[in-house]
Protein backbone atom coordinates (compact mmCIF):
# COMPACT_ATOMS: atom_id res chain seq x y z
CA MET A 1 0.13 0.05 0.03
CA ASN A 2 1.48 3.78 -0.39
CA ASN A 3 1.99 5.53 2.65
CA ARG A 4 1.32 9.17 0.98
CA LYS A 5 -2.41 8.32 0.20
CA ASN A 6 -4.35 9.86 2.80
CA ARG A 7 -1.18 11.33 4.20
CA ASN A 8 -0.66 15.00 3.79
CA LEU A 9 3.35 15.76 2.42
CA ARG A 10 4.58 19.31 3.11
CA VAL A 11 7.04 20.43 0.50
CA GLY A 12 9.94 22.57 2.22
CA ARG A 13 10.31 26.07 1.20
CA LYS A 14 14.30 25.09 -0.46
CA TYR A 15 12.82 22.66 -2.68
CA ARG A 16 10.78 25.17 -4.34
CA ILE A 17 11.46 26.93 -7.07
CA ASN A 18 8.12 29.21 -7.85
CA ARG A 19 8.34 32.04 -6.42
CA LEU A 20 4.54 32.47 -5.42
CA CYS A 21 5.58 30.77 -2.55
CA ASP A 22 7.63 32.69 -0.01
CA GLU A 23 6.24 34.59 2.30
CA GLY A 24 2.67 34.24 2.15
CA THR A 25 -0.11 32.84 4.53
CA ASN A 26 -2.34 30.78 2.08
CA VAL A 27 -2.25 27.34 2.00
CA VAL A 28 -2.25 24.75 -1.04
CA LEU A 29 -3.26 20.89 -1.23
CA VAL A 30 -2.96 19.60 -5.14
CA VAL A 31 -4.30 15.54 -4.81
CA TYR A 32 -2.85 14.08 -7.87
CA GLU A 33 -4.91 10.58 -9.48
CA ASP A 34 -2.50 8.20 -7.51
CA GLY A 35 -3.32 9.30 -4.29
CA CYS A 36 -0.11 11.02 -3.25
CA ARG A 37 -1.37 14.46 -1.92
CA LEU A 38 1.04 17.77 -1.51
CA GLU A 39 0.85 20.57 0.59
CA TYR A 40 2.19 24.27 0.19
CA ASP A 41 2.77 27.00 3.05
CA GLY A 42 3.25 29.84 2.13
CA ILE A 43 1.68 30.90 -0.81
CA VAL A 44 1.60 34.11 -1.41
CA TYR A 45 -1.28 34.26 -4.22
CA PRO A 46 -3.39 31.63 -3.75
CA SER A 47 -4.81 31.89 -7.57
CA SER A 48 -1.33 32.68 -9.62
CA TYR A 49 -0.55 29.80 -7.77
CA ILE A 50 -2.71 27.43 -8.53
CA ASN A 51 -3.22 27.96 -12.37
CA SER A 52 0.80 27.46 -12.15
CA LEU A 53 0.19 23.92 -11.60
CA ASN A 54 0.94 20.73 -13.84
CA ASN A 55 -0.06 17.48 -13.92
CA ASP A 56 3.05 15.23 -13.28
CA ILE A 57 5.15 11.93 -14.31
CA VAL A 58 5.18 10.65 -11.98
CA HIS A 59 1.84 11.10 -10.11
CA GLY A 60 -0.49 11.54 -13.14
CA ASP A 61 -3.76 14.15 -13.12
CA ILE A 62 -4.20 16.95 -11.00
CA GLU A 63 -7.65 15.30 -9.29
CA LYS A 64 -8.78 17.97 -7.01
CA VAL A 65 -6.77 21.33 -4.96
CA TYR A 66 -7.69 22.32 -2.22
CA LEU A 67 -7.27 26.50 -1.11
CA ASN A 68 -6.46 26.56 3.23
CA GLY A 69 -9.18 24.12 3.10
CA GLU A 70 -11.67 24.34 1.69
CA LEU A 71 -12.08 23.04 -2.23
CA TYR A 72 -11.01 25.14 -4.81
CA ASN A 73 -13.18 24.69 -7.73
CA GLN A 74 -11.31 25.18 -10.38
CA TYR A 75 -10.76 21.47 -10.32
């Protein structure tokens, strides 16, 4: 069984390349089709950040996106 399913993995800021996630207060949670759930905190412009998300070659398509715990309707 995949340990990443149903568990949020917080992505550390030193591993990010997107400048839209430096000093903000928003949290974005991305759920991929394989069940991987990646959480990004410190998002400055959440709409722009979410629009910049891409499907992942390892985890597949994005199934859902949450902004501050609420389902983001774009996905």
